[in-house]
PDB file of N, CA and C in Angstrom:
ATOM      1  N   MET A   1     154.883  90.958 120.455  1.00  0.00           N
ATOM      2  CA  MET A   1     156.199  90.959 120.330  1.00  0.00           C
ATOM      3  C   MET A   1     157.039  91.773 121.292  1.00  0.00           C
ATOM      4  N   THR A   2     157.523  91.143 122.334  1.00  0.00           N
ATOM      5  CA  THR A   2     158.016  91.874 123.825  1.00  0.00           C
ATOM      6  C   THR A   2     159.294  92.732 122.827  1.00  0.00           C
ATOM      7  N   THR A   3     159.951  93.747 123.983  1.00  0.00           N
ATOM      8  CA  THR A   3     161.017  94.494 123.690  1.00  0.00           C
ATOM      9  C   THR A   3     162.072  93.659 123.437  1.00  0.00           C
ATOM     10  N   ALA A   4     162.091  92.501 124.351  1.00  0.00           N
ATOM     11  CA  ALA A   4     163.461  91.691 124.310  1.00  0.00           C
ATOM     12  C   ALA A   4     163.550  91.145 123.184  1.00  0.00           C
ATOM     13  N   GLU A   5     162.494  90.467 122.592  1.00  0.00           N
ATOM     14  CA  GLU A   5     162.553  89.855 121.138  1.00  0.00           C
ATOM     15  C   GLU A   5     162.906  90.833 120.269  1.00  0.00           C
ATOM     16  N   LYS A   6     162.293  91.969 120.404  1.00  0.00           N
ATOM     17  CA  LYS A   6     162.855  92.950 119.168  1.00  0.00           C
ATOM     18  C   LYS A   6     164.255  93.196 119.098  1.00  0.00           C
ATOM     19  N   TYR A   7     164.760  93.428 120.350  1.00  0.00           N
ATOM     20  CA  TYR A   7     166.284  93.439 120.350  1.00  0.00           C
ATOM     21  C   TYR A   7     167.156  92.233 120.005  1.00  0.00           C
ATOM     22  N   VAL A   8     166.780  90.751 120.121  1.00  0.00           N
ATOM     23  CA  VAL A   8     167.172  89.844 119.473  1.00  0.00           C
ATOM     24  C   VAL A   8     167.026  89.817 118.235  1.00  0.00           C
ATOM     25  N   THR A   9     165.949  90.122 117.702  1.00  0.00           N
ATOM     26  CA  THR A   9     165.588  89.920 116.101  1.00  0.00           C
ATOM     27  C   THR A   9     166.533  91.059 115.426  1.00  0.00           C
ATOM     28  N   ALA A  10     166.985  92.157 116.240  1.00  0.00           N
ATOM     29  CA  ALA A  10     167.554  93.251 115.398  1.00  0.00           C
ATOM     30  C   ALA A  10     169.129  92.614 115.560  1.00  0.00           C
ATOM     31  N   ALA A  11     169.291  92.332 116.559  1.00  0.00           N
ATOM     32  CA  ALA A  11     170.968  91.617 116.922  1.00  0.00           C
ATOM     33  C   ALA A  11     171.198  90.520 115.632  1.00  0.00           C
ATOM     34  N   TYR A  12     170.110  89.464 115.601  1.00  0.00           N
ATOM     35  CA  TYR A  12     170.405  88.668 114.411  1.00  0.00           C
ATOM     36  C   TYR A  12     170.419  89.373 112.852  1.00  0.00           C
ATOM     37  N   CYS A  13     169.674  90.429 112.730  1.00  0.00           N
ATOM     38  CA  CYS A  13     169.461  90.993 111.510  1.00  0.00           C
ATOM     39  C   CYS A  13     170.810  91.712 111.407  1.00  0.00           C
ATOM     40  N   VAL A  14     171.429  92.230 112.403  1.00  0.00           N
ATOM     41  CA  VAL A  14     172.841  92.934 112.417  1.00  0.00           C
ATOM     42  C   VAL A  14     173.990  92.169 112.138  1.00  0.00           C
ATOM     43  N   VAL A  15     173.844  90.953 112.695  1.00  0.00           N
ATOM     44  CA  VAL A  15     175.075  89.898 112.507  1.00  0.00           C
ATOM     45  C   VAL A  15     174.969  89.416 111.108  1.00  0.00           C
ATOM     46  N   PHE A  16     173.666  89.041 110.704  1.00  0.00           N
ATOM     47  CA  PHE A  16     173.439  88.426 109.316  1.00  0.00           C
ATOM     48  C   PHE A  16     173.707  89.417 108.241  1.00  0.00           C
ATOM     49  N   GLY A  17     173.686  90.751 108.302  1.00  0.00           N
ATOM     50  CA  GLY A  17     174.291  91.844 107.498  1.00  0.00           C
ATOM     51  C   GLY A  17     175.722  91.667 107.324  1.00  0.00           C
ATOM     52  N   LEU A  18     176.194  91.509 108.578  1.00  0.00           N
ATOM     53  CA  LEU A  18     177.593  91.786 108.648  1.00  0.00           C
ATOM     54  C   LEU A  18     178.218  90.434 107.837  1.00  0.00           C
ATOM     55  N   VAL A  19     177.812  89.189 108.101  1.00  0.00           N
ATOM     56  CA  VAL A  19     178.215  88.243 107.731  1.00  0.00           C
ATOM     57  C   VAL A  19     177.941  88.240 105.953  1.00  0.00           C
ATOM     58  N   LEU A  20     176.767  88.844 105.368  1.00  0.00           N
ATOM     59  CA  LEU A  20     176.618  88.983 104.207  1.00  0.00           C
ATOM     60  C   LEU A  20     177.614  89.783 103.650  1.00  0.00           C
ATOM     61  N   LEU A  21     177.970  90.825 104.299  1.00  0.00           N
ATOM     62  CA  LEU A  21     178.858  91.936 103.644  1.00  0.00           C
ATOM     63  C   LEU A  21     180.387  91.367 103.636  1.00  0.00           C
ATOM     64  N   TYR A  22     180.493  90.268 104.322  1.00  0.00           N
ATOM     65  CA  TYR A  22     181.746  89.873 104.575  1.00  0.00           C
ATOM     66  C   TYR A  22     182.165  88.916 103.426  1.00  0.00           C
ATOM     67  N   VAL A  23     181.130  88.012 103.196  1.00  0.00           N
ATOM     68  CA  VAL A  23     181.085  86.969 102.074  1.00  0.00           C
ATOM     69  C   VAL A  23     180.905  88.033 100.588  1.00  0.00           C
ATOM     70  N   VAL A  24     180.304  88.986 100.411  1.00  0.00           N
ATOM     71  CA  VAL A  24     180.542  89.918  99.431  1.00  0.00           C
ATOM     72  C   VAL A  24     181.840  90.536  99.258  1.00  0.00           C
ATOM     73  N   ILE A  25     182.672  90.816 100.122  1.00  0.00           N
ATOM     74  CA  ILE A  25     183.836  91.439 100.130  1.00  0.00           C
ATOM     75  C   ILE A  25     185.050  90.276  99.692  1.00  0.00           C
ATOM     76  N   ILE A  26     184.843  89.091 100.250  1.00  0.00           N
ATOM     77  CA  ILE A  26     185.618  88.079  99.969  1.00  0.00           C
ATOM     78  C   ILE A  26     185.400  87.607  98.543  1.00  0.00           C
ATOM     79  N   ALA A  27     184.014  87.145  98.212  1.00  0.00           N
ATOM     80  CA  ALA A  27     183.935  86.966  96.656  1.00  0.00           C
ATOM     81  C   ALA A  27     184.393  88.080  95.664  1.00  0.00           C
ATOM     82  N   LEU A  28     184.381  89.331  95.997  1.00  0.00           N
ATOM     83  CA  LEU A  28     184.987  90.492  94.908  1.00  0.00           C
ATOM     84  C   LEU A  28     186.596  90.061  95.193  1.00  0.00           C
ATOM     85  N   LYS A  29     187.066  89.915  96.157  1.00  0.00           N
ATOM     86  CA  LYS A  29     188.721  89.645  96.186  1.00  0.00           C
ATOM     87  C   LYS A  29     189.075  88.544  95.446  1.00  0.00           C
ATOM     88  N   VAL A  30     188.478  87.336  95.824  1.00  0.00           N
ATOM     89  CA  VAL A  30     188.722  86.171  94.824  1.00  0.00           C
ATOM     90  C   VAL A  30     188.401  86.345  93.477  1.00  0.00           C
ATOM     91  N   GLN A  31     187.387  87.017  93.047  1.00  0.00           N
ATOM     92  CA  GLN A  31     187.383  87.729  91.558  1.00  0.00           C
ATOM     93  C   GLN A  31     188.625  88.372  91.063  1.00  0.00           C
ATOM     94  N   ARG A  32     189.049  89.307  91.894  1.00  0.00           N
ATOM     95  CA  ARG A  32     190.066  90.030  91.544  1.00  0.00           C
ATOM     96  C   ARG A  32     191.394  89.399  91.140  1.00  0.00           C
ATOM     97  N   LEU A  33     191.538  88.186  92.520  1.00  0.00           N
ATOM     98  CA  LEU A  33     192.819  87.478  92.261  1.00  0.00           C
ATOM     99  C   LEU A  33     192.618  86.699  91.141  1.00  0.00           C
ATOM    100  N   GLU A  34     191.621  85.874  90.794  1.00  0.00           N
ATOM    101  CA  GLU A  34     191.393  85.110  89.529  1.00  0.00           C
ATOM    102  C   GLU A  34     191.836  85.747  88.278  1.00  0.00           C
ATOM    103  N   ARG A  35     191.340  87.072  88.340  1.00  0.00           N
ATOM    104  CA  ARG A  35     192.060  88.025  87.059  1.00  0.00           C
ATOM    105  C   ARG A  35     193.359  88.106  87.144  1.00  0.00           C
ATOM    106  N   ASP A  36     193.833  88.501  88.285  1.00  0.00           N
ATOM    107  CA  ASP A  36     195.456  88.367  88.379  1.00  0.00           C
ATOM    108  C   ASP A  36     196.062  87.438  87.965  1.00  0.00           C
ATOM    109  N   VAL A  37     195.465  86.174  88.362  1.00  0.00           N
ATOM    110  CA  VAL A  37     196.306  84.891  87.934  1.00  0.00           C
ATOM    111  C   VAL A  37     196.349  84.599  86.460  1.00  0.00           C
ATOM    112  N   ASP A  38     195.121  84.973  85.771  1.00  0.00           N
ATOM    113  CA  ASP A  38     195.038  84.638  84.293  1.00  0.00           C
ATOM    114  C   ASP A  38     195.685  85.657  83.782  1.00  0.00           C
ATOM    115  N   ALA A  39     196.158  86.993  84.038  1.00  0.00           N
ATOM    116  CA  ALA A  39     196.774  87.864  83.291  1.00  0.00           C
ATOM    117  C   ALA A  39     198.316  87.290  83.904  1.00  0.00           C
ATOM    118  N   LEU A  40     198.573  86.713  84.715  1.00  0.00           N
ATOM    119  CA  LEU A  40     199.997  86.261  84.969  1.00  0.00           C
ATOM    120  C   LEU A  40     200.471  84.780  84.107  1.00  0.00           C
ATOM    121  N   GLU A  41     199.282  84.237  83.846  1.00  0.00           N
ATOM    122  CA  GLU A  41     199.647  82.876  83.256  1.00  0.00           C
ATOM    123  C   GLU A  41     199.622  83.389  81.810  1.00  0.00           C
ATOM    124  N   LYS A  42     198.754  84.253  81.541  1.00  0.00           N
ATOM    125  CA  LYS A  42     198.710  84.691  79.641  1.00  0.00           C
ATOM    126  C   LYS A  42     200.112  85.460  79.712  1.00  0.00           C
ATOM    127  N   ASP A  43     200.774  86.186  80.608  1.00  0.00           N
ATOM    128  CA  ASP A  43     202.195  86.701  80.241  1.00  0.00           C
ATOM    129  C   ASP A  43     203.374  85.820  80.340  1.00  0.00           C
ATOM    130  N   GLY A  44     202.985  84.926  81.237  1.00  0.00           N
ATOM    131  CA  GLY A  44     204.035  83.653  81.223  1.00  0.00           C
ATOM    132  C   GLY A  44     204.185  82.874  79.930  1.00  0.00           C
ATOM    133  N   ASP A  45     202.893  82.830  78.956  1.00  0.00           N
ATOM    134  CA  ASP A  45     202.799  82.089  77.832  1.00  0.00           C
ATOM    135  C   ASP A  45     203.764  82.768  76.703  1.00  0.00           C
ATOM    136  N   GLY A  46     203.833  84.325  76.725  1.00  0.00           N
ATOM    137  CA  GLY A  46     204.438  84.712  75.718  1.00  0.00           C
ATOM    138  C   GLY A  46     205.977  84.686  75.715  1.00  0.00           C
TER     139      GLY A  46
END
């Protein structure tokens, strides 16, 4: 494997890691929003 190939592989790994981190953060935010919506719906029923 040449040096250039190592840099390209490293760049792809970094980008993949950042995308994965972004997806995890968005999933956590969606989960929190769903809890908030459920709490608001429950408060509205009473």
